[in-house]
Amino acid sequence: MNNIIDKFLFHCKYEKNLTPKTIKAYSADLVQFKDFMLEKYTISDFKSIGKEELKSYLQFISKYKPKTIKRKLATAKTMFNFLEFEEIIEFSPFRKVRFKIKEPMVLPTVMSIEEVSKMFRTVYSGWKMNKKGEYEKKDIIRDGAVIELLFGTGIRVSELCSLSKEIINDDFALIKVNGKGRKERTIQISNDEIKETLKCYYLLFKDKIEKSNYFFINRLGNRLSEQSVRLMIRKYRLQCDITKNITPHIFRHSFATLLLENDVDIKYIQAILGHSSIVTTQIYTHVNSEKQSEILHLKHPRNELHYSEIIH
């Protein structure tokens, strides 16, 4: 079974060109799957696994969240499809089972434009404080560039931290992003203040950036980590007295939601966010109560019907 798993992971890495993060997740899921079959049924060959064993495995992993259950089942199913295609097994046992895992509909947390404004004011006010040391001031300018890019483009924190120095052009008007599945997309930056902040950061850190393979770096000149960005956002959230739990991904949610509320076509938002399916983007089509009230007050078709004079 170990040899089969290794063969499948080799296929994923070199033939399907999946990311290291995906390979790691596949590996962990399949080791758990293998260990369960060995302990529960003493099965040491994937050919011996049938629908009853799969149902038992589903019961075993039912302690996890629905999203995790779906991923673990999808991993096993993908491997069995590979084994069937390679004629290592006659047919996948998943052909004889139908699993339906329902995920609860959870609306994304978003910031209001007032909360975003608070965050920006807090960051930029730190630029003007004369009491801060040189390193602290440079860190604040880098923080400003990070937050500007998170909100200005809806970029994922992993994408932001992986940005190459080659993304820089003369006027900072666009960035090239390597998203999920190694899919590259280009995001234009039209706001002059975002471009000015990125330029200011770049000029301050230019020497270290040129020595690194990454655009966003820490004091040691190494790649800025996702955890560092999360801690940075948390620091400014506390300074702003925002009780809402703000994470880097909340900036992505807020970016998409606020664009939708300003009547931007969802297909454009899908392209900017790098979603392969518009179904993923549709989670942002929820409307907050303030916007809902505005829509119903201004645009409801009942406003066109004037029958009140009949009553009088």
Protein backbone atom coordinates (compact mmCIF):
# COMPACT_ATOMS: atom_id res chain seq x y z
CA MET A 1 0.00 0.00 0.00
CA ASN A 2 2.89 2.36 0.75
CA ASN A 3 4.34 1.75 -2.70
CA ILE A 4 0.98 2.44 -4.33
CA ILE A 5 0.57 5.70 -2.39
CA ASP A 6 4.09 6.77 -3.38
CA LYS A 7 3.31 6.02 -7.02
CA PHE A 8 0.13 8.10 -6.85
CA LEU A 9 1.93 11.02 -5.17
CA PHE A 10 4.65 10.85 -7.83
CA HIS A 11 1.91 11.11 -10.47
CA CYS A 12 0.40 14.13 -8.66
CA LYS A 13 3.72 15.90 -8.32
CA TYR A 14 5.36 15.34 -11.69
CA GLU A 15 2.50 14.55 -14.07
CA LYS A 16 -0.30 16.71 -12.68
CA ASN A 17 2.10 19.38 -11.38
CA LEU A 18 0.16 19.90 -8.15
CA THR A 19 1.46 22.27 -5.48
CA PRO A 20 3.55 21.05 -2.50
CA LYS A 21 0.68 22.07 -0.20
CA THR A 22 -1.75 19.81 -2.09
CA ILE A 23 0.75 16.93 -2.16
CA LYS A 24 1.22 17.25 1.60
CA ALA A 25 -2.55 17.17 2.20
CA TYR A 26 -2.98 14.14 -0.11
CA SER A 27 -0.17 12.31 1.68
CA ALA A 28 -1.63 12.90 5.16
CA ASP A 29 -5.13 11.85 4.06
CA LEU A 30 -3.91 8.66 2.38
CA VAL A 31 -1.74 7.62 5.31
CA GLN A 32 -4.80 7.98 7.56
CA PHE A 33 -6.89 5.99 5.06
CA LYS A 34 -4.27 3.22 4.86
CA ASP A 35 -3.83 3.02 8.64
CA PHE A 36 -7.59 2.74 9.14
CA MET A 37 -7.86 -0.15 6.67
CA LEU A 38 -4.93 -1.96 8.28
CA GLU A 39 -6.21 -1.55 11.83
CA LYS A 40 -9.92 -2.13 11.18
CA TYR A 41 -9.79 -4.83 8.52
CA THR A 42 -6.10 -5.88 8.38
CA ILE A 43 -6.31 -5.07 4.67
CA SER A 44 -2.89 -4.58 3.09
CA ASP A 45 -3.96 -4.33 -0.55
CA PHE A 46 -6.13 -1.64 -2.16
CA LYS A 47 -7.70 -4.34 -4.37
CA SER A 48 -9.48 -5.73 -1.31
CA ILE A 49 -11.27 -2.49 -0.43
CA GLY A 50 -14.95 -2.37 -1.34
CA LYS A 51 -17.99 -0.20 -0.67
CA GLU A 52 -18.55 -1.56 2.87
CA GLU A 53 -15.03 -0.58 3.88
CA LEU A 54 -15.55 2.87 2.39
CA LYS A 55 -18.78 3.31 4.35
CA SER A 56 -16.96 2.31 7.52
CA TYR A 57 -14.21 4.83 6.74
CA LEU A 58 -16.84 7.54 6.28
CA GLN A 59 -18.20 6.72 9.74
CA PHE A 60 -14.67 6.93 11.14
CA ILE A 61 -13.98 10.40 9.72
CA SER A 62 -17.45 11.75 10.53
CA LYS A 63 -15.94 13.44 13.62
CA TYR A 64 -14.38 16.06 11.33
CA LYS A 65 -16.01 19.13 9.83
CA PRO A 66 -17.99 18.53 6.60
CA LYS A 67 -15.40 20.34 4.49
CA THR A 68 -12.62 18.11 5.85
CA ILE A 69 -14.70 14.96 5.33
CA LYS A 70 -15.32 15.92 1.69
CA ARG A 71 -11.60 16.54 1.15
CA LYS A 72 -10.56 13.20 2.67
CA LEU A 73 -13.10 11.29 0.59
CA ALA A 74 -12.09 13.22 -2.54
CA THR A 75 -8.44 12.33 -1.94
CA ALA A 76 -9.20 8.62 -1.66
CA LYS A 77 -11.52 8.75 -4.70
CA THR A 78 -8.87 10.51 -6.80
CA MET A 79 -6.31 7.85 -5.90
CA PHE A 80 -8.68 4.98 -6.76
CA ASN A 81 -9.50 6.62 -10.10
CA PHE A 82 -5.76 6.74 -10.77
CA LEU A 83 -5.36 3.06 -9.84
CA GLU A 84 -8.22 2.12 -12.14
CA PHE A 85 -6.76 4.13 -15.01
CA GLU A 86 -3.34 2.50 -14.48
CA GLU A 87 -5.08 -0.93 -14.38
CA ILE A 88 -3.70 -1.64 -10.93
CA ILE A 89 -7.26 -2.40 -9.83
CA GLU A 90 -10.17 -3.52 -11.99
CA PHE A 91 -12.54 -0.73 -10.92
CA SER A 92 -12.80 1.91 -8.20
CA PRO A 93 -15.03 0.99 -5.23
CA PHE A 94 -16.29 4.56 -5.30
CA ARG A 95 -18.34 3.58 -8.36
CA LYS A 96 -20.69 1.68 -6.05
CA VAL A 97 -21.20 4.30 -3.35
CA ARG A 98 -22.83 7.74 -3.28
CA PHE A 99 -21.69 9.99 -0.46
CA LYS A 100 -23.53 13.27 0.03
CA ILE A 101 -21.88 15.53 2.57
CA LYS A 102 -23.71 18.78 3.22
CA GLU A 103 -21.72 21.80 4.29
CA PRO A 104 -23.54 24.43 6.35
CA MET A 105 -23.89 27.76 4.56
CA VAL A 106 -21.60 30.15 6.39
CA LEU A 107 -21.55 33.73 5.17
CA PRO A 108 -18.08 35.29 5.16
CA THR A 109 -17.17 37.89 7.74
CA VAL A 110 -16.54 41.27 6.10
CA MET A 111 -15.36 44.67 7.21
CA SER A 112 -17.41 47.77 6.64
CA ILE A 113 -15.80 50.61 4.74
CA GLU A 114 -15.59 52.48 8.06
CA GLU A 115 -13.58 49.64 9.62
CA VAL A 116 -11.25 49.52 6.62
CA SER A 117 -10.80 53.28 6.94
CA LYS A 118 -9.93 52.89 10.63
CA MET A 119 -7.28 50.33 9.74
CA PHE A 120 -5.69 52.59 7.13
CA ARG A 121 -5.73 55.62 9.44
CA THR A 122 -3.98 53.64 12.16
CA VAL A 123 -1.26 52.40 9.84
CA TYR A 124 -0.60 55.73 8.13
CA SER A 125 -0.61 57.70 11.39
CA GLY A 126 2.40 55.61 12.44
CA TRP A 127 4.37 56.96 9.47
CA LYS A 128 4.24 60.48 10.89
CA MET A 129 5.39 59.68 14.43
CA ASN A 130 8.91 61.01 15.00
CA LYS A 131 9.54 58.96 18.14
CA LYS A 132 9.77 55.65 16.31
CA GLY A 133 13.14 54.13 15.40
CA GLU A 134 14.38 53.56 11.86
CA TYR A 135 13.55 49.85 11.78
CA GLU A 136 10.10 50.38 13.27
CA LYS A 137 9.28 53.07 10.71
CA LYS A 138 10.39 50.82 7.85
CA ASP A 139 8.23 48.02 9.22
CA ILE A 140 5.22 50.33 9.35
CA ILE A 141 5.73 51.33 5.71
CA ARG A 142 5.98 47.66 4.75
CA ASP A 143 2.79 46.98 6.79
CA GLY A 144 1.05 49.74 4.87
CA ALA A 145 2.08 48.20 1.55
CA VAL A 146 0.83 44.77 2.68
CA ILE A 147 -2.56 46.09 3.83
CA GLU A 148 -2.96 48.23 0.71
CA LEU A 149 -2.36 45.21 -1.50
CA LEU A 150 -4.63 42.90 0.53
CA PHE A 151 -7.56 45.30 0.27
CA GLY A 152 -6.67 46.76 -3.12
CA THR A 153 -6.53 43.43 -4.97
CA GLY A 154 -8.29 40.80 -2.82
CA ILE A 155 -5.13 38.71 -3.00
CA ARG A 156 -4.77 35.63 -0.75
CA VAL A 157 -2.17 35.96 2.03
CA SER A 158 -0.26 32.96 0.63
CA GLU A 159 -0.20 34.64 -2.79
CA LEU A 160 0.96 37.93 -1.28
CA CYS A 161 3.83 36.34 0.64
CA SER A 162 4.90 34.40 -2.46
CA LEU A 163 5.00 37.43 -4.76
CA SER A 164 8.22 37.44 -6.71
CA LYS A 165 10.36 40.54 -7.10
CA GLU A 166 9.75 40.14 -10.86
CA ILE A 167 6.18 41.37 -10.33
CA ILE A 168 7.53 44.90 -10.07
CA ASN A 169 7.13 47.15 -13.07
CA ASP A 170 8.10 50.79 -13.39
CA ASP A 171 4.80 52.27 -12.26
CA PHE A 172 3.51 49.44 -10.00
CA ALA A 173 0.36 49.31 -12.13
CA LEU A 174 -0.06 45.54 -12.14
CA ILE A 175 1.02 42.40 -10.32
CA LYS A 176 1.34 38.80 -11.51
CA VAL A 177 -0.08 36.32 -9.03
CA ASN A 178 0.46 32.57 -8.86
CA GLY A 179 -2.78 31.25 -7.41
CA LYS A 180 -4.17 27.85 -6.53
CA GLY A 181 -3.21 25.10 -8.94
CA ARG A 182 -0.28 27.23 -10.13
CA LYS A 183 -2.69 29.32 -12.18
CA GLU A 184 -1.23 32.73 -12.99
CA ARG A 185 -3.39 35.82 -13.19
CA THR A 186 -2.63 39.50 -13.61
CA ILE A 187 -4.29 42.10 -11.41
CA GLN A 188 -4.21 45.76 -12.40
CA ILE A 189 -3.68 48.45 -9.79
CA SER A 190 -5.27 51.74 -10.75
CA ASN A 191 -5.35 53.55 -7.40
CA ASP A 192 -2.49 56.07 -7.18
CA GLU A 193 -2.20 55.84 -3.38
CA ILE A 194 -1.70 52.07 -3.52
CA LYS A 195 0.99 52.47 -6.17
CA GLU A 196 2.69 55.24 -4.19
CA THR A 197 2.78 53.10 -1.04
CA LEU A 198 4.22 50.11 -2.94
CA LYS A 199 6.86 52.37 -4.49
CA CYS A 200 7.77 53.87 -1.11
CA TYR A 201 8.16 50.38 0.38
CA TYR A 202 10.22 49.17 -2.58
CA LEU A 203 12.66 52.08 -2.44
CA LEU A 204 13.22 51.53 1.29
CA PHE A 205 13.84 47.78 0.94
CA LYS A 206 15.27 47.76 -2.59
CA ASP A 207 18.67 46.30 -1.75
CA LYS A 208 17.24 43.44 0.29
CA ILE A 209 14.49 42.78 -2.23
CA GLU A 210 17.05 42.52 -5.04
CA LYS A 211 18.96 39.89 -3.03
CA SER A 212 15.78 37.95 -2.31
CA ASN A 213 13.40 36.06 -4.56
CA TYR A 214 10.44 37.76 -2.90
CA PHE A 215 8.87 41.20 -2.91
CA PHE A 216 7.72 41.23 0.71
CA ILE A 217 10.53 40.49 3.14
CA ASN A 218 11.22 40.71 6.86
CA ARG A 219 14.05 42.51 8.67
CA LEU A 220 16.44 39.65 7.93
CA GLY A 221 15.74 39.87 4.21
CA ASN A 222 13.81 36.60 4.18
CA ARG A 223 10.34 35.93 2.78
CA LEU A 224 7.59 37.51 4.87
CA SER A 225 5.58 34.64 6.36
CA GLU A 226 1.81 34.25 6.38
CA GLN A 227 1.87 34.09 10.17
CA SER A 228 3.73 37.42 10.34
CA VAL A 229 0.98 39.02 8.24
CA ARG A 230 -1.72 37.53 10.49
CA LEU A 231 -0.02 38.89 13.61
CA MET A 232 0.42 42.27 11.94
CA ILE A 233 -3.29 42.48 11.08
CA ARG A 234 -4.18 41.47 14.63
CA LYS A 235 -1.94 44.22 16.04
CA TYR A 236 -3.63 46.94 14.00
CA ARG A 237 -7.10 45.53 14.72
CA LEU A 238 -6.45 45.88 18.45
CA GLN A 239 -5.10 49.39 17.97
CA CYS A 240 -8.30 50.27 16.10
CA ASP A 241 -10.52 48.80 18.86
CA ILE A 242 -12.27 46.62 16.26
CA THR A 243 -13.92 43.72 18.09
CA LYS A 244 -14.48 41.74 14.90
CA ASN A 245 -11.87 39.03 14.30
CA ILE A 246 -9.96 40.44 11.32
CA THR A 247 -7.65 38.11 9.40
CA PRO A 248 -5.87 38.63 6.07
CA HIS A 249 -8.62 36.61 4.36
CA ILE A 250 -11.25 39.02 5.72
CA PHE A 251 -9.67 41.68 3.47
CA ARG A 252 -10.36 39.37 0.51
CA HIS A 253 -13.97 38.90 1.61
CA SER A 254 -14.39 42.64 2.13
CA PHE A 255 -12.82 43.46 -1.24
CA ALA A 256 -15.28 41.19 -3.07
CA THR A 257 -18.35 42.16 -1.07
CA LEU A 258 -17.80 45.91 -1.34
CA LEU A 259 -17.23 45.63 -5.09
CA LEU A 260 -20.50 43.72 -5.44
CA GLU A 261 -22.30 46.36 -3.40
CA ASN A 262 -20.98 48.92 -5.86
CA ASP A 263 -22.62 46.98 -8.70
CA VAL A 264 -19.48 45.39 -10.17
CA ASP A 265 -20.30 42.34 -12.29
CA ILE A 266 -19.59 39.12 -10.39
CA LYS A 267 -17.71 37.68 -13.39
CA TYR A 268 -15.09 40.42 -13.12
CA ILE A 269 -14.73 39.74 -9.40
CA GLN A 270 -14.34 36.02 -10.13
CA ALA A 271 -11.46 36.75 -12.51
CA ILE A 272 -9.71 39.09 -10.09
CA LEU A 273 -10.01 36.65 -7.19
CA GLY A 274 -8.81 33.75 -9.32
CA HIS A 275 -11.82 31.50 -8.69
CA SER A 276 -12.04 28.64 -11.18
CA SER A 277 -15.82 28.45 -10.69
CA ILE A 278 -18.29 31.29 -10.31
CA VAL A 279 -20.09 29.16 -7.70
CA THR A 280 -17.24 29.96 -5.29
CA THR A 281 -17.62 33.68 -5.93
CA GLN A 282 -21.38 33.59 -5.37
CA ILE A 283 -20.90 33.34 -1.62
CA TYR A 284 -20.28 37.10 -1.75
CA THR A 285 -23.71 37.80 -3.22
CA HIS A 286 -25.19 38.03 0.26
CA VAL A 287 -26.38 41.57 0.99
CA ASN A 288 -25.94 43.21 4.35
CA SER A 289 -28.95 44.73 6.08
CA GLU A 290 -27.92 48.33 5.38
CA LYS A 291 -27.53 47.71 1.66
CA GLN A 292 -30.74 45.67 1.62
CA SER A 293 -32.67 48.54 3.16
CA GLU A 294 -31.21 50.96 0.61
CA ILE A 295 -32.12 48.69 -2.30
CA LEU A 296 -35.68 48.12 -1.13
CA HIS A 297 -36.18 51.82 -0.43
CA LEU A 298 -34.82 53.11 -3.72
CA LYS A 299 -35.35 50.34 -6.26
CA HIS A 300 -38.39 48.33 -5.25
CA PRO A 301 -40.90 48.19 -8.16
CA ARG A 302 -43.73 49.01 -5.74
CA ASN A 303 -42.45 52.58 -5.80
CA GLU A 304 -43.76 52.85 -9.35
CA LEU A 305 -47.32 52.03 -8.33
CA HIS A 306 -49.33 54.98 -6.94
CA TYR A 307 -52.69 53.82 -5.60
CA SER A 308 -52.81 55.81 -2.37
CA GLU A 309 -55.25 58.37 -3.87
CA ILE A 310 -57.89 55.61 -4.19
CA ILE A 311 -57.98 55.23 -0.40
CA HIS A 312 -58.73 58.93 0.02
